[in-house]
Amino acid sequence: MSRRESPPPPSPPPPPQLLGVQRGEVECEDRPERAEPLSDAEREIIQDTWGRVYKNCEDVGVAVLIRFFVNFPSAKQYFSQFQDMEDPEEMERSSQLRQHACRVMNAINTVVENLHDPEKVASVLALVGKAHAIKHKVEPMYFKILSGVMLEVLSEDFPEFFTAEVQVVWTKLMGAVYWHVTGAYTEVGWLQVSSSAV
């Protein structure tokens, strides 16, 4: 996979930069050898903060997706049900968007609940990655962008829990999620680099 020839547009807000992505980049070929493992203390921090977030999973998920689609409208190309929606209030009322928000939040919940079992986490994320590569043909860099948007929303909506220290731990988790997902893309021989990316 090659990087786009033209320079990327200005960078998005800080959390996507924390994850090391610039708009328009696809990084499957730059994968580190393995995801950085979480310590027991880091797993505990993630599970504690996630428990507080997951009580409002649908609303948080909807807020994340709306911000994602408003800031990165090219991501809507993969969603026929709401790709033509421009208005955030219309998006918020969309039952399809709410359903997808719940799927995203439930997938993260499965990862968080199974942090003690790396094989289970790898298996869940491999399924997510393969489905998005083969069935939906979503460029992998959108996972990294979505992770950054999620961290941004969580730190704004739950400032009392998402301190700077907690954000660092969550950034590490999201990096591991991205590593596993891109591994699935690599495994299925993903080669697509679209000029329509972000």
C-alpha atoms as a PDB file:
ATOM      1  CA  MET A   1       0.000   0.000   0.000  1.00  0.00           C
ATOM      2  CA  SER A   2       1.378   3.388  -0.837  1.00  0.00           C
ATOM      3  CA  ARG A   3       0.707   6.677   0.842  1.00  0.00           C
ATOM      4  CA  ARG A   4      -1.164   9.389  -1.014  1.00  0.00           C
ATOM      5  CA  GLU A   5       1.079  11.544  -3.174  1.00  0.00           C
ATOM      6  CA  SER A   6      -0.362  14.938  -2.259  1.00  0.00           C
ATOM      7  CA  PRO A   7       0.307  16.399   1.194  1.00  0.00           C
ATOM      8  CA  PRO A   8      -2.480  15.782   3.712  1.00  0.00           C
ATOM      9  CA  PRO A   9      -4.821  18.627   4.667  1.00  0.00           C
ATOM     10  CA  PRO A  10      -4.435  20.200   8.136  1.00  0.00           C
ATOM     11  CA  SER A  11      -4.560  17.753  11.025  1.00  0.00           C
ATOM     12  CA  PRO A  12      -7.768  17.070  12.986  1.00  0.00           C
ATOM     13  CA  PRO A  13      -8.138  17.955  16.687  1.00  0.00           C
ATOM     14  CA  PRO A  14      -5.597  16.484  19.177  1.00  0.00           C
ATOM     15  CA  PRO A  15      -6.817  12.944  19.976  1.00  0.00           C
ATOM     16  CA  PRO A  16      -6.376  11.656  16.403  1.00  0.00           C
ATOM     17  CA  GLN A  17      -2.871  13.138  16.478  1.00  0.00           C
ATOM     18  CA  LEU A  18      -2.227  11.324  19.753  1.00  0.00           C
ATOM     19  CA  LEU A  19      -2.835   8.142  17.838  1.00  0.00           C
ATOM     20  CA  GLY A  20      -0.309   9.161  15.197  1.00  0.00           C
ATOM     21  CA  VAL A  21      -2.572   9.533  12.166  1.00  0.00           C
ATOM     22  CA  GLN A  22      -2.656  12.410   9.763  1.00  0.00           C
ATOM     23  CA  ARG A  23      -5.695  12.878   7.573  1.00  0.00           C
ATOM     24  CA  GLY A  24      -5.430  10.736   4.481  1.00  0.00           C
ATOM     25  CA  GLU A  25      -2.809   8.292   5.773  1.00  0.00           C
ATOM     26  CA  VAL A  26      -3.198   4.539   5.607  1.00  0.00           C
ATOM     27  CA  GLU A  27      -0.710   2.804   7.826  1.00  0.00           C
ATOM     28  CA  CYS A  28      -1.094  -0.972   7.468  1.00  0.00           C
ATOM     29  CA  GLU A  29       2.461  -1.367   6.217  1.00  0.00           C
ATOM     30  CA  ASP A  30       3.868   0.562   9.182  1.00  0.00           C
ATOM     31  CA  ARG A  31       2.461  -1.770  11.826  1.00  0.00           C
ATOM     32  CA  PRO A  32       4.731  -2.451  14.773  1.00  0.00           C
ATOM     33  CA  GLU A  33       5.547  -6.087  15.364  1.00  0.00           C
ATOM     34  CA  ARG A  34       2.955  -6.340  18.142  1.00  0.00           C
ATOM     35  CA  ALA A  35       0.534  -4.233  20.130  1.00  0.00           C
ATOM     36  CA  GLU A  36       1.933  -2.796  23.341  1.00  0.00           C
ATOM     37  CA  PRO A  37       0.470  -4.904  26.182  1.00  0.00           C
ATOM     38  CA  LEU A  38      -1.522  -3.253  28.954  1.00  0.00           C
ATOM     39  CA  SER A  39      -0.413  -3.609  32.562  1.00  0.00           C
ATOM     40  CA  ASP A  40      -2.834  -4.849  35.223  1.00  0.00           C
ATOM     41  CA  ALA A  41      -3.159  -1.282  36.526  1.00  0.00           C
ATOM     42  CA  GLU A  42      -3.927   0.013  33.018  1.00  0.00           C
ATOM     43  CA  ARG A  43      -6.572  -2.668  32.473  1.00  0.00           C
ATOM     44  CA  GLU A  44      -8.171  -1.672  35.766  1.00  0.00           C
ATOM     45  CA  ILE A  45      -8.216   2.016  34.769  1.00  0.00           C
ATOM     46  CA  ILE A  46      -9.855   1.180  31.438  1.00  0.00           C
ATOM     47  CA  GLN A  47     -12.471  -1.092  32.975  1.00  0.00           C
ATOM     48  CA  ASP A  48     -13.301   1.413  35.710  1.00  0.00           C
ATOM     49  CA  THR A  49     -13.728   4.365  33.341  1.00  0.00           C
ATOM     50  CA  TRP A  50     -15.544   2.280  30.737  1.00  0.00           C
ATOM     51  CA  GLY A  51     -18.069   1.134  33.330  1.00  0.00           C
ATOM     52  CA  ARG A  52     -19.037   4.771  33.852  1.00  0.00           C
ATOM     53  CA  VAL A  53     -19.260   5.467  30.104  1.00  0.00           C
ATOM     54  CA  TYR A  54     -21.150   2.293  29.201  1.00  0.00           C
ATOM     55  CA  LYS A  55     -24.098   3.285  31.432  1.00  0.00           C
ATOM     56  CA  ASN A  56     -24.846   5.851  28.685  1.00  0.00           C
ATOM     57  CA  CYS A  57     -23.554   3.755  25.791  1.00  0.00           C
ATOM     58  CA  GLU A  58     -26.165   4.671  23.193  1.00  0.00           C
ATOM     59  CA  ASP A  59     -25.957   8.427  23.776  1.00  0.00           C
ATOM     60  CA  VAL A  60     -22.169   8.375  23.918  1.00  0.00           C
ATOM     61  CA  GLY A  61     -21.975   6.234  20.786  1.00  0.00           C
ATOM     62  CA  VAL A  62     -24.320   8.563  18.906  1.00  0.00           C
ATOM     63  CA  ALA A  63     -22.271  11.608  20.000  1.00  0.00           C
ATOM     64  CA  VAL A  64     -19.086   9.890  18.800  1.00  0.00           C
ATOM     65  CA  LEU A  65     -20.537   8.956  15.394  1.00  0.00           C
ATOM     66  CA  ILE A  66     -22.051  12.392  14.822  1.00  0.00           C
ATOM     67  CA  ARG A  67     -18.721  14.089  15.564  1.00  0.00           C
ATOM     68  CA  PHE A  68     -16.958  11.538  13.342  1.00  0.00           C
ATOM     69  CA  PHE A  69     -19.301  12.151  10.402  1.00  0.00           C
ATOM     70  CA  VAL A  70     -19.359  15.940  10.822  1.00  0.00           C
ATOM     71  CA  ASN A  71     -15.550  16.205  11.049  1.00  0.00           C
ATOM     72  CA  PHE A  72     -14.813  13.446   8.498  1.00  0.00           C
ATOM     73  CA  PRO A  73     -17.784  13.478   6.091  1.00  0.00           C
ATOM     74  CA  SER A  74     -16.051  11.109   3.662  1.00  0.00           C
ATOM     75  CA  ALA A  75     -16.621   8.355   6.248  1.00  0.00           C
ATOM     76  CA  LYS A  76     -20.354   8.512   5.459  1.00  0.00           C
ATOM     77  CA  GLN A  77     -19.686   6.961   2.040  1.00  0.00           C
ATOM     78  CA  TYR A  78     -19.796   3.535   3.716  1.00  0.00           C
ATOM     79  CA  PHE A  79     -23.286   4.056   5.148  1.00  0.00           C
ATOM     80  CA  SER A  80     -26.059   4.164   2.564  1.00  0.00           C
ATOM     81  CA  GLN A  81     -28.673   4.716   5.304  1.00  0.00           C
ATOM     82  CA  PHE A  82     -27.282   8.073   6.415  1.00  0.00           C
ATOM     83  CA  GLN A  83     -24.624   9.104   3.910  1.00  0.00           C
ATOM     84  CA  ASP A  84     -26.718  12.045   2.694  1.00  0.00           C
ATOM     85  CA  MET A  85     -27.429  13.434   6.159  1.00  0.00           C
ATOM     86  CA  GLU A  86     -25.685  16.736   6.827  1.00  0.00           C
ATOM     87  CA  ASP A  87     -27.569  17.983   9.875  1.00  0.00           C
ATOM     88  CA  PRO A  88     -26.318  16.620  13.237  1.00  0.00           C
ATOM     89  CA  GLU A  89     -29.868  16.734  14.641  1.00  0.00           C
ATOM     90  CA  GLU A  90     -31.114  14.606  11.747  1.00  0.00           C
ATOM     91  CA  MET A  91     -28.269  12.161  12.401  1.00  0.00           C
ATOM     92  CA  GLU A  92     -29.218  12.030  16.072  1.00  0.00           C
ATOM     93  CA  ARG A  93     -32.784  11.028  15.154  1.00  0.00           C
ATOM     94  CA  SER A  94     -31.643   8.304  12.733  1.00  0.00           C
ATOM     95  CA  SER A  95     -32.493   4.846  14.054  1.00  0.00           C
ATOM     96  CA  GLN A  96     -29.841   3.326  11.752  1.00  0.00           C
ATOM     97  CA  LEU A  97     -27.155   5.609  13.176  1.00  0.00           C
ATOM     98  CA  ARG A  98     -28.274   4.748  16.725  1.00  0.00           C
ATOM     99  CA  GLN A  99     -28.098   1.034  15.900  1.00  0.00           C
ATOM    100  CA  HIS A 100     -24.591   1.386  14.493  1.00  0.00           C
ATOM    101  CA  ALA A 101     -23.543   3.446  17.526  1.00  0.00           C
ATOM    102  CA  CYS A 102     -24.732   0.607  19.767  1.00  0.00           C
ATOM    103  CA  ARG A 103     -22.786  -1.958  17.697  1.00  0.00           C
ATOM    104  CA  VAL A 104     -19.601   0.126  18.006  1.00  0.00           C
ATOM    105  CA  MET A 105     -20.040   0.577  21.759  1.00  0.00           C
ATOM    106  CA  ASN A 106     -20.882  -3.104  22.266  1.00  0.00           C
ATOM    107  CA  ALA A 107     -17.756  -4.145  20.350  1.00  0.00           C
ATOM    108  CA  ILE A 108     -15.628  -1.928  22.582  1.00  0.00           C
ATOM    109  CA  ASN A 109     -17.444  -3.302  25.616  1.00  0.00           C
ATOM    110  CA  THR A 110     -16.539  -6.848  24.531  1.00  0.00           C
ATOM    111  CA  VAL A 111     -12.895  -5.810  24.210  1.00  0.00           C
ATOM    112  CA  VAL A 112     -12.889  -4.094  27.622  1.00  0.00           C
ATOM    113  CA  GLU A 113     -14.642  -7.023  29.332  1.00  0.00           C
ATOM    114  CA  ASN A 114     -12.039  -9.420  27.921  1.00  0.00           C
ATOM    115  CA  LEU A 115      -8.834  -7.451  28.492  1.00  0.00           C
ATOM    116  CA  HIS A 116      -7.662 -10.326  30.739  1.00  0.00           C
ATOM    117  CA  ASP A 117      -7.920 -12.657  27.704  1.00  0.00           C
ATOM    118  CA  PRO A 118      -5.709 -11.366  24.847  1.00  0.00           C
ATOM    119  CA  GLU A 119      -6.742 -14.242  22.554  1.00  0.00           C
ATOM    120  CA  LYS A 120     -10.434 -13.346  22.897  1.00  0.00           C
ATOM    121  CA  VAL A 121      -9.663  -9.663  22.204  1.00  0.00           C
ATOM    122  CA  ALA A 122      -7.615 -10.619  19.141  1.00  0.00           C
ATOM    123  CA  SER A 123     -10.412 -12.886  17.902  1.00  0.00           C
ATOM    124  CA  VAL A 124     -13.146 -10.237  18.320  1.00  0.00           C
ATOM    125  CA  LEU A 125     -11.091  -7.532  16.614  1.00  0.00           C
ATOM    126  CA  ALA A 126     -10.067  -9.874  13.788  1.00  0.00           C
ATOM    127  CA  LEU A 127     -13.758 -10.454  13.036  1.00  0.00           C
ATOM    128  CA  VAL A 128     -14.415  -6.688  13.081  1.00  0.00           C
ATOM    129  CA  GLY A 129     -11.428  -6.018  10.825  1.00  0.00           C
ATOM    130  CA  LYS A 130     -12.244  -8.753   8.320  1.00  0.00           C
ATOM    131  CA  ALA A 131     -15.896  -7.703   8.070  1.00  0.00           C
ATOM    132  CA  HIS A 132     -14.927  -4.088   7.450  1.00  0.00           C
ATOM    133  CA  ALA A 133     -12.245  -5.056   4.926  1.00  0.00           C
ATOM    134  CA  ILE A 134     -14.117  -7.731   2.949  1.00  0.00           C
ATOM    135  CA  LYS A 135     -17.805  -6.870   3.307  1.00  0.00           C
ATOM    136  CA  HIS A 136     -17.829  -3.104   3.870  1.00  0.00           C
ATOM    137  CA  LYS A 137     -14.507  -2.191   2.182  1.00  0.00           C
ATOM    138  CA  VAL A 138     -13.782   0.523   4.753  1.00  0.00           C
ATOM    139  CA  GLU A 139     -10.301   1.983   4.605  1.00  0.00           C
ATOM    140  CA  PRO A 140      -8.452   1.013   7.796  1.00  0.00           C
ATOM    141  CA  MET A 141      -7.369   4.530   8.700  1.00  0.00           C
ATOM    142  CA  TYR A 142     -10.985   5.328   9.585  1.00  0.00           C
ATOM    143  CA  PHE A 143     -10.597   3.073  12.642  1.00  0.00           C
ATOM    144  CA  LYS A 144      -7.736   5.222  13.874  1.00  0.00           C
ATOM    145  CA  ILE A 145      -9.668   8.420  13.205  1.00  0.00           C
ATOM    146  CA  LEU A 146     -12.773   7.050  14.944  1.00  0.00           C
ATOM    147  CA  SER A 147     -10.630   6.072  17.946  1.00  0.00           C
ATOM    148  CA  GLY A 148      -9.337   9.624  18.208  1.00  0.00           C
ATOM    149  CA  VAL A 149     -12.840  11.074  17.938  1.00  0.00           C
ATOM    150  CA  MET A 150     -14.016   8.686  20.649  1.00  0.00           C
ATOM    151  CA  LEU A 151     -11.211   9.755  23.005  1.00  0.00           C
ATOM    152  CA  GLU A 152     -12.059  13.384  22.324  1.00  0.00           C
ATOM    153  CA  VAL A 153     -15.770  12.890  23.118  1.00  0.00           C
ATOM    154  CA  LEU A 154     -15.050  10.820  26.240  1.00  0.00           C
ATOM    155  CA  SER A 155     -12.620  13.396  27.620  1.00  0.00           C
ATOM    156  CA  GLU A 156     -15.164  16.187  27.008  1.00  0.00           C
ATOM    157  CA  ASP A 157     -18.235  14.328  28.276  1.00  0.00           C
ATOM    158  CA  PHE A 158     -16.548  12.669  31.284  1.00  0.00           C
ATOM    159  CA  PRO A 159     -13.813  15.127  32.331  1.00  0.00           C
ATOM    160  CA  GLU A 160     -13.915  13.936  35.935  1.00  0.00           C
ATOM    161  CA  PHE A 161     -12.919  10.398  34.860  1.00  0.00           C
ATOM    162  CA  PHE A 162     -10.916  11.014  31.682  1.00  0.00           C
ATOM    163  CA  THR A 163      -7.966  12.788  33.231  1.00  0.00           C
ATOM    164  CA  ALA A 164      -4.709  13.199  31.293  1.00  0.00           C
ATOM    165  CA  GLU A 165      -3.385   9.953  32.821  1.00  0.00           C
ATOM    166  CA  VAL A 166      -6.532   8.038  31.877  1.00  0.00           C
ATOM    167  CA  GLN A 167      -6.412   9.431  28.333  1.00  0.00           C
ATOM    168  CA  VAL A 168      -2.859   8.111  27.928  1.00  0.00           C
ATOM    169  CA  VAL A 169      -4.026   4.617  28.951  1.00  0.00           C
ATOM    170  CA  TRP A 170      -7.035   4.777  26.624  1.00  0.00           C
ATOM    171  CA  THR A 171      -4.783   5.952  23.780  1.00  0.00           C
ATOM    172  CA  LYS A 172      -2.683   2.840  24.361  1.00  0.00           C
ATOM    173  CA  LEU A 173      -5.819   0.654  24.243  1.00  0.00           C
ATOM    174  CA  MET A 174      -7.047   2.309  21.036  1.00  0.00           C
ATOM    175  CA  GLY A 175      -3.606   1.789  19.515  1.00  0.00           C
ATOM    176  CA  ALA A 176      -3.894  -1.926  20.336  1.00  0.00           C
ATOM    177  CA  VAL A 177      -7.409  -2.056  18.858  1.00  0.00           C
ATOM    178  CA  TYR A 178      -6.120  -0.462  15.653  1.00  0.00           C
ATOM    179  CA  TRP A 179      -3.158  -2.862  15.567  1.00  0.00           C
ATOM    180  CA  HIS A 180      -5.457  -5.908  15.748  1.00  0.00           C
ATOM    181  CA  VAL A 181      -7.925  -4.520  13.192  1.00  0.00           C
ATOM    182  CA  THR A 182      -5.191  -3.658  10.680  1.00  0.00           C
ATOM    183  CA  GLY A 183      -3.743  -7.116  11.220  1.00  0.00           C
ATOM    184  CA  ALA A 184      -7.009  -8.545   9.924  1.00  0.00           C
ATOM    185  CA  TYR A 185      -6.826  -6.213   6.907  1.00  0.00           C
ATOM    186  CA  THR A 186      -3.294  -7.398   6.184  1.00  0.00           C
ATOM    187  CA  GLU A 187      -4.361 -11.021   6.600  1.00  0.00           C
ATOM    188  CA  VAL A 188      -7.077 -10.693   3.945  1.00  0.00           C
ATOM    189  CA  GLY A 189      -4.680  -8.964   1.554  1.00  0.00           C
ATOM    190  CA  TRP A 190      -6.108  -5.444   1.751  1.00  0.00           C
ATOM    191  CA  LEU A 191      -4.667  -3.325  -1.056  1.00  0.00           C
ATOM    192  CA  GLN A 192      -7.266  -0.633  -1.639  1.00  0.00           C
ATOM    193  CA  VAL A 193      -6.161   2.969  -1.246  1.00  0.00           C
ATOM    194  CA  SER A 194      -8.932   5.308  -2.303  1.00  0.00           C
ATOM    195  CA  SER A 195      -8.436   8.886  -3.417  1.00  0.00           C
ATOM    196  CA  SER A 196     -11.692   9.677  -1.614  1.00  0.00           C
ATOM    197  CA  ALA A 197     -10.117   9.070   1.784  1.00  0.00           C
ATOM    198  CA  VAL A 198     -10.881  11.946   4.147  1.00  0.00           C
END
